[in-house]
PDB file of N, CA and C in Angstrom:
ATOM      1  N   MET A   1    -133.667 -24.506-111.290  1.00  0.00           N
ATOM      2  CA  MET A   1    -134.689 -24.272-112.034  1.00  0.00           C
ATOM      3  C   MET A   1    -134.908 -22.654-112.379  1.00  0.00           C
ATOM      4  N   ALA A   2    -135.383 -22.045-113.215  1.00  0.00           N
ATOM      5  CA  ALA A   2    -135.668 -21.070-113.909  1.00  0.00           C
ATOM      6  C   ALA A   2    -136.851 -20.646-113.048  1.00  0.00           C
ATOM      7  N   THR A   3    -137.248 -19.258-112.492  1.00  0.00           N
ATOM      8  CA  THR A   3    -138.489 -18.939-112.207  1.00  0.00           C
ATOM      9  C   THR A   3    -139.224 -18.492-113.431  1.00  0.00           C
ATOM     10  N   SER A   4    -140.588 -18.581-113.054  1.00  0.00           N
ATOM     11  CA  SER A   4    -140.995 -17.833-113.960  1.00  0.00           C
ATOM     12  C   SER A   4    -141.205 -16.727-114.396  1.00  0.00           C
ATOM     13  N   GLY A   5    -140.613 -15.797-113.919  1.00  0.00           N
ATOM     14  CA  GLY A   5    -140.554 -14.273-114.572  1.00  0.00           C
ATOM     15  C   GLY A   5    -139.276 -14.463-115.378  1.00  0.00           C
ATOM     16  N   GLN A   6    -138.210 -14.904-115.328  1.00  0.00           N
ATOM     17  CA  GLN A   6    -137.319 -15.076-115.834  1.00  0.00           C
ATOM     18  C   GLN A   6    -137.739 -16.352-117.534  1.00  0.00           C
ATOM     19  N   LEU A   7    -138.622 -16.700-117.102  1.00  0.00           N
ATOM     20  CA  LEU A   7    -138.728 -17.687-118.355  1.00  0.00           C
ATOM     21  C   LEU A   7    -139.994 -16.865-119.345  1.00  0.00           C
ATOM     22  N   LYS A   8    -140.218 -15.663-118.763  1.00  0.00           N
ATOM     23  CA  LYS A   8    -141.577 -15.404-119.141  1.00  0.00           C
ATOM     24  C   LYS A   8    -140.918 -14.095-120.080  1.00  0.00           C
ATOM     25  N   SER A   9    -139.479 -13.726-119.653  1.00  0.00           N
ATOM     26  CA  SER A   9    -138.393 -12.558-120.638  1.00  0.00           C
ATOM     27  C   SER A   9    -138.131 -13.471-121.821  1.00  0.00           C
ATOM     28  N   LYS A  10    -137.764 -14.506-121.537  1.00  0.00           N
ATOM     29  CA  LYS A  10    -137.009 -15.429-122.509  1.00  0.00           C
ATOM     30  C   LYS A  10    -138.721 -15.483-123.690  1.00  0.00           C
ATOM     31  N   VAL A  11    -139.488 -16.126-123.055  1.00  0.00           N
ATOM     32  CA  VAL A  11    -140.841 -16.201-124.377  1.00  0.00           C
ATOM     33  C   VAL A  11    -141.080 -14.885-124.913  1.00  0.00           C
ATOM     34  N   ASP A  12    -141.093 -13.711-124.270  1.00  0.00           N
ATOM     35  CA  ASP A  12    -141.257 -12.386-125.224  1.00  0.00           C
ATOM     36  C   ASP A  12    -140.563 -12.079-125.502  1.00  0.00           C
ATOM     37  N   GLY A  13    -138.820 -12.206-125.571  1.00  0.00           N
ATOM     38  CA  GLY A  13    -137.616 -11.870-126.523  1.00  0.00           C
ATOM     39  C   GLY A  13    -137.722 -13.061-127.887  1.00  0.00           C
ATOM     40  N   LEU A  14    -138.331 -14.303-127.849  1.00  0.00           N
ATOM     41  CA  LEU A  14    -138.262 -14.678-128.592  1.00  0.00           C
ATOM     42  C   LEU A  14    -139.756 -14.608-129.745  1.00  0.00           C
ATOM     43  N   LYS A  15    -141.126 -14.145-128.944  1.00  0.00           N
ATOM     44  CA  LYS A  15    -141.955 -13.915-129.727  1.00  0.00           C
ATOM     45  C   LYS A  15    -141.519 -13.107-130.864  1.00  0.00           C
ATOM     46  N   LYS A  16    -140.820 -11.981-129.738  1.00  0.00           N
ATOM     47  CA  LYS A  16    -140.684 -10.592-130.737  1.00  0.00           C
ATOM     48  C   LYS A  16    -139.133 -10.919-131.868  1.00  0.00           C
ATOM     49  N   LYS A  17    -138.935 -11.921-131.725  1.00  0.00           N
ATOM     50  CA  LYS A  17    -137.762 -12.215-132.618  1.00  0.00           C
ATOM     51  C   LYS A  17    -138.559 -12.984-133.852  1.00  0.00           C
ATOM     52  N   MET A  18    -139.380 -13.346-133.671  1.00  0.00           N
ATOM     53  CA  MET A  18    -140.108 -15.002-134.817  1.00  0.00           C
ATOM     54  C   MET A  18    -141.097 -13.398-135.226  1.00  0.00           C
ATOM     55  N   ALA A  19    -141.573 -12.416-134.294  1.00  0.00           N
ATOM     56  CA  ALA A  19    -142.225 -11.744-135.275  1.00  0.00           C
ATOM     57  C   ALA A  19    -141.603 -10.811-136.774  1.00  0.00           C
ATOM     58  N   GLU A  20    -140.278 -10.299-136.096  1.00  0.00           N
ATOM     59  CA  GLU A  20    -139.596  -9.512-136.580  1.00  0.00           C
ATOM     60  C   GLU A  20    -139.213 -10.353-137.991  1.00  0.00           C
ATOM     61  N   LYS A  21    -138.396 -11.651-137.766  1.00  0.00           N
ATOM     62  CA  LYS A  21    -137.618 -12.068-138.457  1.00  0.00           C
ATOM     63  C   LYS A  21    -138.176 -13.357-138.988  1.00  0.00           C
ATOM     64  N   GLY A  22    -139.510 -13.780-138.954  1.00  0.00           N
ATOM     65  CA  GLY A  22    -139.901 -14.955-138.858  1.00  0.00           C
ATOM     66  C   GLY A  22    -140.342 -15.750-139.841  1.00  0.00           C
ATOM     67  N   SER A  23    -140.844 -14.584-141.166  1.00  0.00           N
ATOM     68  CA  SER A  23    -141.117 -15.017-142.156  1.00  0.00           C
ATOM     69  C   SER A  23    -139.889 -14.996-143.217  1.00  0.00           C
ATOM     70  N   SER A  24    -138.953 -14.566-143.014  1.00  0.00           N
ATOM     71  CA  SER A  24    -137.582 -14.553-143.772  1.00  0.00           C
ATOM     72  C   SER A  24    -136.672 -15.519-143.877  1.00  0.00           C
ATOM     73  N   LEU A  25    -137.109 -16.153-142.097  1.00  0.00           N
ATOM     74  CA  LEU A  25    -136.095 -17.311-141.933  1.00  0.00           C
ATOM     75  C   LEU A  25    -136.521 -18.360-142.961  1.00  0.00           C
ATOM     76  N   PRO A  26    -135.502 -19.342-142.679  1.00  0.00           N
ATOM     77  CA  PRO A  26    -135.654 -20.752-143.587  1.00  0.00           C
ATOM     78  C   PRO A  26    -136.594 -21.110-143.201  1.00  0.00           C
ATOM     79  N   ALA A  27    -137.433 -22.566-143.251  1.00  0.00           N
ATOM     80  CA  ALA A  27    -138.250 -23.281-142.882  1.00  0.00           C
ATOM     81  C   ALA A  27    -138.097 -24.361-141.670  1.00  0.00           C
ATOM     82  N   THR A  28    -136.815 -24.422-141.554  1.00  0.00           N
ATOM     83  CA  THR A  28    -136.247 -25.367-140.345  1.00  0.00           C
ATOM     84  C   THR A  28    -135.871 -24.334-139.288  1.00  0.00           C
ATOM     85  N   ARG A  29    -135.272 -23.089-139.611  1.00  0.00           N
ATOM     86  CA  ARG A  29    -135.300 -22.150-138.266  1.00  0.00           C
ATOM     87  C   ARG A  29    -136.625 -21.672-137.490  1.00  0.00           C
ATOM     88  N   GLN A  30    -137.331 -21.782-138.821  1.00  0.00           N
ATOM     89  CA  GLN A  30    -138.985 -21.363-138.334  1.00  0.00           C
ATOM     90  C   GLN A  30    -139.050 -22.150-137.215  1.00  0.00           C
ATOM     91  N   ARG A  31    -139.114 -23.737-137.756  1.00  0.00           N
ATOM     92  CA  ARG A  31    -139.648 -24.858-136.877  1.00  0.00           C
ATOM     93  C   ARG A  31    -138.879 -24.626-135.749  1.00  0.00           C
ATOM     94  N   GLN A  32    -137.813 -24.763-135.787  1.00  0.00           N
ATOM     95  CA  GLN A  32    -136.748 -24.787-134.599  1.00  0.00           C
ATOM     96  C   GLN A  32    -137.165 -23.563-132.897  1.00  0.00           C
ATOM     97  N   LEU A  33    -137.127 -22.516-133.792  1.00  0.00           N
ATOM     98  CA  LEU A  33    -137.966 -21.357-133.007  1.00  0.00           C
ATOM     99  C   LEU A  33    -139.192 -21.849-132.504  1.00  0.00           C
ATOM    100  N   ARG A  34    -140.112 -22.232-133.524  1.00  0.00           N
ATOM    101  CA  ARG A  34    -141.196 -22.830-132.656  1.00  0.00           C
ATOM    102  C   ARG A  34    -141.140 -23.838-131.383  1.00  0.00           C
ATOM    103  N   LYS A  35    -140.454 -24.610-132.169  1.00  0.00           N
ATOM    104  CA  LYS A  35    -140.342 -25.563-130.722  1.00  0.00           C
ATOM    105  C   LYS A  35    -139.941 -24.826-129.553  1.00  0.00           C
ATOM    106  N   ARG A  36    -138.776 -24.058-129.779  1.00  0.00           N
ATOM    107  CA  ARG A  36    -138.492 -23.736-128.440  1.00  0.00           C
ATOM    108  C   ARG A  36    -139.096 -23.169-127.588  1.00  0.00           C
ATOM    109  N   LEU A  37    -139.846 -21.846-128.694  1.00  0.00           N
ATOM    110  CA  LEU A  37    -141.086 -21.451-128.046  1.00  0.00           C
ATOM    111  C   LEU A  37    -142.354 -22.137-127.274  1.00  0.00           C
ATOM    112  N   LYS A  38    -142.373 -23.356-127.770  1.00  0.00           N
ATOM    113  CA  LYS A  38    -143.757 -24.161-126.953  1.00  0.00           C
ATOM    114  C   LYS A  38    -142.394 -24.626-125.988  1.00  0.00           C
ATOM    115  N   ARG A  39    -141.554 -25.016-125.839  1.00  0.00           N
ATOM    116  CA  ARG A  39    -140.867 -25.944-124.976  1.00  0.00           C
ATOM    117  C   ARG A  39    -140.724 -24.601-123.756  1.00  0.00           C
ATOM    118  N   LEU A  40    -140.219 -23.130-124.215  1.00  0.00           N
ATOM    119  CA  LEU A  40    -140.208 -22.192-123.255  1.00  0.00           C
ATOM    120  C   LEU A  40    -141.575 -22.181-122.034  1.00  0.00           C
ATOM    121  N   GLN A  41    -142.605 -21.667-122.993  1.00  0.00           N
ATOM    122  CA  GLN A  41    -144.091 -22.083-122.417  1.00  0.00           C
ATOM    123  C   GLN A  41    -144.626 -22.696-121.658  1.00  0.00           C
ATOM    124  N   ARG A  42    -143.927 -24.093-122.476  1.00  0.00           N
ATOM    125  CA  ARG A  42    -145.009 -25.366-120.883  1.00  0.00           C
ATOM    126  C   ARG A  42    -143.454 -25.371-119.939  1.00  0.00           C
ATOM    127  N   ALA A  43    -142.570 -24.689-119.750  1.00  0.00           N
ATOM    128  CA  ALA A  43    -141.257 -24.745-118.631  1.00  0.00           C
ATOM    129  C   ALA A  43    -142.041 -23.568-117.899  1.00  0.00           C
ATOM    130  N   ARG A  44    -142.681 -22.270-118.574  1.00  0.00           N
ATOM    131  CA  ARG A  44    -143.224 -21.370-117.602  1.00  0.00           C
ATOM    132  C   ARG A  44    -144.210 -21.443-116.787  1.00  0.00           C
ATOM    133  N   ARG A  45    -145.194 -22.712-117.686  1.00  0.00           N
ATOM    134  CA  ARG A  45    -146.503 -22.993-117.080  1.00  0.00           C
ATOM    135  C   ARG A  45    -146.119 -23.846-115.475  1.00  0.00           C
ATOM    136  N   THR A  46    -145.193 -24.984-116.054  1.00  0.00           N
ATOM    137  CA  THR A  46    -144.774 -25.768-114.647  1.00  0.00           C
ATOM    138  C   THR A  46    -144.183 -24.678-113.863  1.00  0.00           C
ATOM    139  N   ALA A  47    -143.122 -24.232-114.188  1.00  0.00           N
ATOM    140  CA  ALA A  47    -142.645 -23.081-112.850  1.00  0.00           C
ATOM    141  C   ALA A  47    -143.573 -22.391-112.220  1.00  0.00           C
ATOM    142  N   THR A  48    -144.994 -21.548-112.701  1.00  0.00           N
ATOM    143  CA  THR A  48    -145.818 -20.977-112.136  1.00  0.00           C
ATOM    144  C   THR A  48    -146.488 -21.979-111.445  1.00  0.00           C
ATOM    145  N   ALA A  49    -146.583 -22.905-111.841  1.00  0.00           N
ATOM    146  CA  ALA A  49    -147.520 -23.867-110.626  1.00  0.00           C
ATOM    147  C   ALA A  49    -146.745 -24.056-109.593  1.00  0.00           C
ATOM    148  N   LEU A  50    -145.508 -24.594-110.004  1.00  0.00           N
ATOM    149  CA  LEU A  50    -144.547 -24.997-108.586  1.00  0.00           C
ATOM    150  C   LEU A  50    -144.885 -23.982-107.565  1.00  0.00           C
ATOM    151  N   GLU A  51    -144.451 -22.745-107.849  1.00  0.00           N
ATOM    152  CA  GLU A  51    -143.972 -21.724-107.691  1.00  0.00           C
ATOM    153  C   GLU A  51    -145.978 -21.066-106.429  1.00  0.00           C
ATOM    154  N   ALA A  52    -146.959 -21.318-107.199  1.00  0.00           N
ATOM    155  CA  ALA A  52    -147.958 -21.160-106.457  1.00  0.00           C
ATOM    156  C   ALA A  52    -148.496 -22.183-105.644  1.00  0.00           C
ATOM    157  N   ARG A  53    -148.199 -23.650-105.566  1.00  0.00           N
ATOM    158  CA  ARG A  53    -148.185 -24.846-104.684  1.00  0.00           C
ATOM    159  C   ARG A  53    -147.273 -23.870-103.656  1.00  0.00           C
ATOM    160  N   GLY A  54    -145.755 -23.937-104.090  1.00  0.00           N
ATOM    161  CA  GLY A  54    -144.980 -23.451-102.716  1.00  0.00           C
ATOM    162  C   GLY A  54    -145.295 -22.455-101.662  1.00  0.00           C
ATOM    163  N   LYS A  55    -146.178 -21.642-102.523  1.00  0.00           N
ATOM    164  CA  LYS A  55    -146.439 -20.451-101.700  1.00  0.00           C
ATOM    165  C   LYS A  55    -147.606 -20.912-100.703  1.00  0.00           C
ATOM    166  N   LYS A  56    -148.695 -21.838-101.470  1.00  0.00           N
ATOM    167  CA  LYS A  56    -150.126 -21.937-100.929  1.00  0.00           C
ATOM    168  C   LYS A  56    -149.404 -22.866 -99.269  1.00  0.00           C
ATOM    169  N   ALA A  57    -148.376 -23.877 -99.868  1.00  0.00           N
ATOM    170  CA  ALA A  57    -147.950 -24.770 -98.742  1.00  0.00           C
ATOM    171  C   ALA A  57    -147.217 -23.600 -97.494  1.00  0.00           C
ATOM    172  N   ALA A  58    -146.877 -22.763 -97.912  1.00  0.00           N
ATOM    173  CA  ALA A  58    -146.115 -21.814 -96.721  1.00  0.00           C
ATOM    174  C   ALA A  58    -146.786 -21.169 -96.463  1.00  0.00           C
ATOM    175  N   LYS A  59    -147.958 -20.352 -97.103  1.00  0.00           N
ATOM    176  CA  LYS A  59    -149.429 -20.246 -96.277  1.00  0.00           C
ATOM    177  C   LYS A  59    -149.861 -20.716 -95.251  1.00  0.00           C
ATOM    178  N   GLU A  60    -150.343 -21.841 -95.624  1.00  0.00           N
ATOM    179  CA  GLU A  60    -150.891 -23.178 -94.703  1.00  0.00           C
ATOM    180  C   GLU A  60    -150.101 -23.483 -93.383  1.00  0.00           C
ATOM    181  N   SER A  61    -148.653 -23.672 -93.798  1.00  0.00           N
ATOM    182  CA  SER A  61    -147.713 -23.748 -92.875  1.00  0.00           C
ATOM    183  C   SER A  61    -147.281 -22.784 -91.926  1.00  0.00           C
ATOM    184  N   ALA A  62    -147.762 -21.850 -91.929  1.00  0.00           N
ATOM    185  CA  ALA A  62    -147.669 -20.088 -91.319  1.00  0.00           C
ATOM    186  C   ALA A  62    -148.827 -20.049 -90.570  1.00  0.00           C
ATOM    187  N   GLU A  63    -149.491 -20.371 -91.345  1.00  0.00           N
ATOM    188  CA  GLU A  63    -151.232 -20.416 -90.424  1.00  0.00           C
ATOM    189  C   GLU A  63    -151.032 -21.165 -89.581  1.00  0.00           C
ATOM    190  N   GLY A  64    -150.545 -22.829 -89.764  1.00  0.00           N
ATOM    191  CA  GLY A  64    -150.817 -23.652 -88.417  1.00  0.00           C
ATOM    192  C   GLY A  64    -149.630 -23.955 -87.664  1.00  0.00           C
ATOM    193  N   ALA A  65    -148.672 -22.874 -87.804  1.00  0.00           N
ATOM    194  CA  ALA A  65    -147.058 -22.771 -86.859  1.00  0.00           C
ATOM    195  C   ALA A  65    -148.021 -21.925 -85.643  1.00  0.00           C
ATOM    196  N   PRO A  66    -148.434 -21.042 -85.757  1.00  0.00           N
ATOM    197  CA  PRO A  66    -148.875 -20.051 -84.377  1.00  0.00           C
ATOM    198  C   PRO A  66    -149.786 -20.977 -83.499  1.00  0.00           C
ATOM    199  N   ALA A  67    -150.798 -21.481 -84.337  1.00  0.00           N
ATOM    200  CA  ALA A  67    -151.680 -22.496 -83.480  1.00  0.00           C
ATOM    201  C   ALA A  67    -151.065 -23.562 -82.769  1.00  0.00           C
ATOM    202  N   ALA A  68    -150.076 -24.308 -82.918  1.00  0.00           N
ATOM    203  CA  ALA A  68    -149.417 -25.488 -82.299  1.00  0.00           C
ATOM    204  C   ALA A  68    -147.937 -24.601 -81.546  1.00  0.00           C
ATOM    205  N   ALA A  69    -147.666 -23.531 -81.739  1.00  0.00           N
ATOM    206  CA  ALA A  69    -146.219 -23.191 -81.103  1.00  0.00           C
ATOM    207  C   ALA A  69    -146.749 -22.859 -79.322  1.00  0.00           C
ATOM    208  N   PRO A  70    -147.577 -22.186 -78.995  1.00  0.00           N
ATOM    209  CA  PRO A  70    -147.753 -22.175 -77.273  1.00  0.00           C
ATOM    210  C   PRO A  70    -148.050 -23.617 -76.768  1.00  0.00           C
ATOM    211  N   ALA A  71    -146.441 -23.865 -76.208  1.00  0.00           N
ATOM    212  CA  ALA A  71    -146.191 -24.958 -75.719  1.00  0.00           C
ATOM    213  C   ALA A  71    -147.572 -24.492 -73.842  1.00  0.00           C
ATOM    214  N   PRO A  72    -147.760 -26.209 -73.612  1.00  0.00           N
ATOM    215  CA  PRO A  72    -148.109 -25.709 -72.248  1.00  0.00           C
ATOM    216  C   PRO A  72    -146.393 -25.491 -71.017  1.00  0.00           C
ATOM    217  N   GLN A  73    -146.721 -24.848 -70.141  1.00  0.00           N
ATOM    218  CA  GLN A  73    -145.151 -24.251 -69.420  1.00  0.00           C
ATOM    219  C   GLN A  73    -145.664 -24.925 -67.979  1.00  0.00           C
ATOM    220  N   ALA A  74    -144.764 -25.334 -67.624  1.00  0.00           N
ATOM    221  CA  ALA A  74    -144.797 -26.366 -66.195  1.00  0.00           C
ATOM    222  C   ALA A  74    -143.978 -25.574 -65.322  1.00  0.00           C
TER     223      ALA A  74
END
């Protein structure tokens, strides 16, 4: 799966392309580009949420690990 940064660059490029050429394109192509933009935006939101969830889990496990790490030595 792509990272949110990679998807953001694709979204930005597509927005720029639509801004420059959008009105001169045929209606079918405009619809295809809008669909692609929505799809990329949804994928970016999902990737961002997954990355945030992963960072949160890593932070919690890092905080919990030092407390459990010292084992009693006999």
